[in-house]
Amino acid sequence: MDTIKVGAFLKELRKGHGLSQEQLADKFNVSSRSVSRWENGNTMPDISIMIELADFYDVDIRDLLRGERKSEKMEENLKETLKMVAEYTEADKAKILKKVYICGVGTLITSVASLIFFFITYFWETEIFLTPFLLILASGIFGINTMLAGLQLKGKMSKKRNKKLIAISVTIWVVLAIIILLFLTFVLPTILFYTIGPGA
């Protein structure tokens, strides 16, 4: 398949419908950069999006794949076959995304539990080691990113909202970890000193 030719045909069809790359991107819930990469021949749309583009532009899917118009309309049986292929691919992808999401949630829960255990354990030592703390913090950030990326790929949220939620979640995670660290390092020893007494 000549991706440059296909990209040029996609560009021609878009302009023929009087749409900008941003407008087309909004219609298909993708970024304008993705549309640009399609039209430059750098990447190709997923097969499910190709089917939608063929319907939207009212061209045969084979014309899109060839990069030129040779037939008037997509045959119904070919369309159904491609839809089944797309559904199979989406179902397979959904299973993988479910695993990614579960791993992200598991990493985040493990990080929270490890953070609490770390502080409780090292509080009774003479000094707090920052290396395990930083590893737990990084693990939590990774878990948040994995979980939210899984939601985005599953179509549960847009890319813009995903970035916003990642920024908010990571900030909350870091602030919470620092608060716990400060509490167990400075506040809790003072409370124990006055309630239990020195040397207890």
Foldseek 3Di string as FASTA:
>chain_A
DQQQLLLCLLVVLCVVVVHDLCRVCVVVQHHSVVNVCSNRSVDHDDLVVLLVSCVVSQAASVCSVVSHGDDRHHDPVVSVVSVVVVVVVLVVVLVVLVVLQVVLVVLQVVLVVQLVVLLVVCLPPPDRDCPVVVVSLVSNLSSLLSNLVSCVVNVVDHPVVSVVSSVVVSVVSVVVSVVSVCCSNPVVVVVCCVPVNPPD
